[in-house]
Structures are given as structure tokens and as C-alpha cells.
Amino acid sequence: MATAQELNSFLQSVDKRAFKRTVYQVRDEEAALDIVQDSMLKLSHHYGDKPPEELPMLFHRILANSTLDWFRRQKTRNALFTNISALEHAINADGDDFDWLQTYASSNPEYVESSAETLTERKQLLQSIEKEIQMLPARQREAFLLRYWEELDVAETAAAMGCSEGSVKTHCFRAVQTLSKALKAQGIEL
């Protein structure tokens, strides 16, 4: 059974990575923050009494389900509000603009560079990589982020995604191949 301190420590250890992963998926910073916070609340409320070693798998599964729920709600909302906005557009010629999330570079002091040119190059490289990650199919992106961003092993990733270990390996392989080709096409070699 996880103590309150163990649960708190776990949540603090995953909050930034979970947020970034969710931003990649939903492409909306505020929605990503809500999804991560809701997932953390669900974990602590429903599974806070589980052993500490089970918390990562449970959290990532809850986060994945919460993200899917968000997409379902967005689909319904977009269908409804698209029809309403068509009516509003007929009445009022004004349209709504949506601001999509702009990615940002690390604020870690050990990565601070001295030259503006180096900073700009690094930021452009990060933006290119993040753009390519966002363009991956949803399951490949999820497997890639869980394996390489969250550093889960294949079994943990499979449990979090609700699929077989073979599927995780296939999704990761395809994601790495796609990213590699896309980045090489841009002249980026890692």
C-alpha cells in the first residue's frame, strides 16, 4: 500500500513529463493541464491504496483513457459548435480564431547556451522534432512517448496502452523509422 508521501512523490515525479506528453497528443496546453490533473486525482482517489510499484502503470493507463475521453468530448463539441458557428456566421460575419500551442525549449540552466545563434538553432531543432512527433499516428506517438519519454519498459507500456508487447514494439519501431526519415529529409541527423 502506497503511503500519502509515496503517492505525492510519484505524482511530483511524473507531472512535467505527463503534461508534455499530453500536450503532444491534444495540442492544447490548457486541456493538457486539465487532463493531467484529472488523471492525478483519479489515481489518488481510486488507486491511492495500491502498492507503489503499480502506480506508474495505473497512472499511464488513466492518463491514456482521460486523453481518449477528451478527444471524444471534443468530437461531439466540434460537431455541435460547428453547426452553431455556421448559424452565427450567417448572422454575424465574425469568426473565432483558435491559438494552438507553441512548443517551447527547455528552461533547464544546464542547457543554457551563450550564443544567440546556438540558442536559435537548438530551438528550431526542438521544434522540428516536436512537430514530427505530433504528426505520428496516435498509437505510434503514444507508444513512442511512453517508451522513450516516460522510459517505461515494453511490458509497462503494453499495460498502459492496453495492448500486447508485440504491438508496442511494432508501434515504437514504426515511430522511430518515420521520425528518422522525416528528420533526415530535413537534414537533421541525431
Protein backbone atom coordinates (compact mmCIF):
# COMPACT_ATOMS: atom_id res chain seq x y z
CA MET A 1 0.00 0.00 0.00
CA ALA A 2 1.40 3.36 -1.02
CA THR A 3 1.65 5.97 1.70
CA ALA A 4 0.49 9.52 1.10
CA GLN A 5 4.12 10.60 0.84
CA GLU A 6 4.93 7.87 -1.73
CA LEU A 7 1.89 8.83 -3.78
CA ASN A 8 2.82 12.51 -3.61
CA SER A 9 6.42 11.76 -4.60
CA PHE A 10 5.26 9.67 -7.54
CA LEU A 11 2.89 12.39 -8.78
CA GLN A 12 5.60 15.03 -8.49
CA SER A 13 7.99 12.82 -10.45
CA VAL A 14 5.63 12.38 -13.42
CA ASP A 15 3.77 15.68 -13.64
CA LYS A 16 6.02 17.52 -16.13
CA ARG A 17 6.53 14.56 -18.45
CA ALA A 18 2.84 13.65 -18.35
CA PHE A 19 1.95 17.24 -19.17
CA LYS A 20 4.36 17.39 -22.11
CA ARG A 21 3.16 14.04 -23.42
CA THR A 22 -0.45 15.16 -23.21
CA VAL A 23 0.36 18.46 -24.94
CA TYR A 24 1.82 16.43 -27.81
CA GLN A 25 -1.42 14.50 -28.06
CA VAL A 26 -4.10 17.15 -27.63
CA ARG A 27 -2.14 20.18 -28.89
CA ASP A 28 -3.81 22.43 -26.33
CA GLU A 29 -1.88 23.47 -23.23
CA GLU A 30 -4.90 24.22 -21.03
CA ALA A 31 -6.67 21.00 -21.97
CA ALA A 32 -3.48 19.03 -21.35
CA LEU A 33 -3.15 20.54 -17.88
CA ASP A 34 -6.77 19.64 -17.10
CA ILE A 35 -6.32 16.08 -18.36
CA VAL A 36 -3.17 15.52 -16.29
CA GLN A 37 -4.70 16.99 -13.16
CA ASP A 38 -7.86 14.90 -13.56
CA SER A 39 -5.74 11.79 -14.09
CA MET A 40 -3.75 12.51 -10.94
CA LEU A 41 -6.95 13.00 -8.96
CA LYS A 42 -8.41 9.75 -10.29
CA LEU A 43 -5.23 7.88 -9.40
CA SER A 44 -5.12 9.22 -5.86
CA HIS A 45 -8.85 8.79 -5.29
CA HIS A 46 -9.34 5.32 -6.78
CA TYR A 47 -5.90 3.70 -6.60
CA GLY A 48 -4.05 5.51 -3.82
CA ASP A 49 -4.09 2.34 -1.74
CA LYS A 50 -2.22 0.28 -4.37
CA PRO A 51 1.45 -0.69 -3.96
CA PRO A 52 3.92 1.99 -5.14
CA GLU A 53 5.29 -0.21 -7.94
CA GLU A 54 1.83 -0.36 -9.57
CA LEU A 55 1.33 3.42 -9.61
CA PRO A 56 3.20 4.17 -12.87
CA MET A 57 1.26 1.62 -14.89
CA LEU A 58 -2.07 2.70 -13.39
CA PHE A 59 -1.34 6.38 -13.90
CA HIS A 60 -0.36 5.99 -17.54
CA ARG A 61 -3.46 3.92 -18.24
CA ILE A 62 -5.68 6.53 -16.54
CA LEU A 63 -3.92 9.30 -18.48
CA ALA A 64 -4.39 7.48 -21.78
CA ASN A 65 -8.09 6.90 -21.05
CA SER A 66 -8.59 10.51 -19.96
CA THR A 67 -6.97 11.70 -23.18
CA LEU A 68 -9.23 9.47 -25.27
CA ASP A 69 -12.25 10.79 -23.33
CA TRP A 70 -11.13 14.34 -24.09
CA PHE A 71 -10.95 13.55 -27.82
CA ARG A 72 -14.44 12.04 -27.69
CA ARG A 73 -15.82 15.13 -25.97
CA GLN A 74 -14.04 17.37 -28.49
CA LYS A 75 -15.52 15.45 -31.40
CA THR A 76 -19.02 15.92 -30.00
CA ARG A 77 -18.38 19.55 -29.09
CA ASN A 78 -16.91 20.33 -32.52
CA ALA A 79 -19.85 18.75 -34.27
CA LEU A 80 -22.27 20.78 -32.18
CA PHE A 81 -20.40 24.07 -32.27
CA THR A 82 -19.54 23.77 -35.95
CA ASN A 83 -23.25 23.78 -36.68
CA ILE A 84 -23.82 26.66 -34.27
CA SER A 85 -20.92 28.66 -35.67
CA ALA A 86 -22.33 28.19 -39.18
CA LEU A 87 -25.52 29.79 -37.93
CA GLU A 88 -23.60 32.57 -36.19
CA HIS A 89 -21.55 33.16 -39.33
CA ALA A 90 -24.71 33.62 -41.34
CA ILE A 91 -25.92 36.16 -38.79
CA ASN A 92 -22.60 37.70 -37.83
CA ALA A 93 -19.64 37.74 -40.24
CA ASP A 94 -17.11 37.37 -37.39
CA GLY A 95 -15.17 34.09 -37.00
CA ASP A 96 -13.38 32.65 -33.99
CA ASP A 97 -9.61 32.25 -34.02
CA PHE A 98 -8.02 29.43 -32.09
CA ASP A 99 -4.50 29.73 -30.77
CA TRP A 100 -2.67 26.41 -30.94
CA LEU A 101 0.09 25.54 -28.57
CA GLN A 102 3.52 26.82 -29.48
CA THR A 103 6.22 24.45 -28.30
CA TYR A 104 8.93 25.71 -26.06
CA ALA A 105 12.52 24.75 -25.35
CA SER A 106 13.92 23.55 -22.06
CA SER A 107 14.41 26.08 -19.28
CA ASN A 108 16.95 23.86 -17.51
CA PRO A 109 20.00 26.02 -16.63
CA GLU A 110 22.50 23.31 -17.64
CA TYR A 111 21.30 23.66 -21.26
CA VAL A 112 21.67 27.44 -21.45
CA GLU A 113 23.88 28.38 -24.38
CA SER A 114 25.98 31.50 -24.67
CA SER A 115 25.32 32.40 -28.29
CA ALA A 116 22.00 33.57 -29.72
CA GLU A 117 22.72 31.60 -32.90
CA THR A 118 23.18 28.36 -30.95
CA LEU A 119 20.00 29.00 -28.98
CA THR A 120 18.05 29.65 -32.15
CA GLU A 121 19.41 26.53 -33.84
CA ARG A 122 18.57 24.41 -30.80
CA LYS A 123 15.06 25.84 -30.58
CA GLN A 124 14.47 25.19 -34.30
CA LEU A 125 15.77 21.63 -33.92
CA LEU A 126 13.46 21.00 -30.95
CA GLN A 127 10.51 22.45 -32.83
CA SER A 128 11.24 20.24 -35.83
CA ILE A 129 11.45 17.14 -33.67
CA GLU A 130 8.29 18.02 -31.73
CA LYS A 131 6.42 18.75 -34.96
CA GLU A 132 7.38 15.36 -36.36
CA ILE A 133 6.35 13.63 -33.10
CA GLN A 134 2.97 15.37 -33.28
CA MET A 135 2.48 14.15 -36.84
CA LEU A 136 2.87 10.49 -35.86
CA PRO A 137 -0.31 8.39 -35.75
CA ALA A 138 -1.85 8.43 -32.28
CA ARG A 139 -0.88 4.88 -31.22
CA GLN A 140 2.68 5.26 -32.52
CA ARG A 141 3.03 8.60 -30.74
CA GLU A 142 1.67 7.14 -27.51
CA ALA A 143 3.99 4.11 -27.65
CA PHE A 144 6.99 6.27 -28.56
CA LEU A 145 6.37 8.77 -25.76
CA LEU A 146 5.75 6.09 -23.13
CA ARG A 147 8.85 4.10 -24.11
CA TYR A 148 11.33 6.90 -24.75
CA TRP A 149 9.94 9.94 -22.92
CA GLU A 150 8.46 8.20 -19.88
CA GLU A 151 11.13 5.47 -20.04
CA LEU A 152 8.70 2.62 -19.38
CA ASP A 153 9.71 -0.88 -20.39
CA VAL A 154 7.79 -2.81 -23.05
CA ALA A 155 5.57 -4.65 -20.54
CA GLU A 156 4.64 -1.45 -18.68
CA THR A 157 3.94 0.34 -21.96
CA ALA A 158 1.74 -2.53 -23.15
CA ALA A 159 -0.21 -2.46 -19.88
CA ALA A 160 -0.61 1.33 -20.05
CA MET A 161 -1.77 1.21 -23.68
CA GLY A 162 -3.96 -1.84 -23.21
CA CYS A 163 -2.28 -3.83 -25.99
CA SER A 164 0.25 -6.63 -26.44
CA GLU A 165 4.01 -6.22 -26.06
CA GLY A 166 4.39 -7.07 -29.74
CA SER A 167 2.11 -4.18 -30.67
CA VAL A 168 4.20 -1.83 -28.54
CA LYS A 169 7.38 -2.96 -30.29
CA THR A 170 5.75 -2.55 -33.70
CA HIS A 171 4.41 0.93 -32.89
CA CYS A 172 7.78 2.05 -31.50
CA PHE A 173 9.69 0.65 -34.48
CA ARG A 174 7.39 2.39 -36.94
CA ALA A 175 7.55 5.65 -34.98
CA VAL A 176 11.36 5.61 -34.91
CA GLN A 177 11.52 4.80 -38.63
CA THR A 178 9.05 7.57 -39.51
CA LEU A 179 10.84 10.13 -37.32
CA SER A 180 14.22 9.14 -38.69
CA LYS A 181 13.11 9.51 -42.31
CA ALA A 182 11.32 12.80 -41.68
CA LEU A 183 14.25 14.33 -39.83
CA LYS A 184 16.80 13.12 -42.39
CA ALA A 185 14.67 14.70 -45.11
CA GLN A 186 15.08 17.99 -43.24
CA GLY A 187 18.84 17.47 -42.97
CA ILE A 188 18.73 16.62 -39.27
CA GLU A 189 20.83 13.68 -38.13
CA LEU A 190 20.75 12.73 -34.45
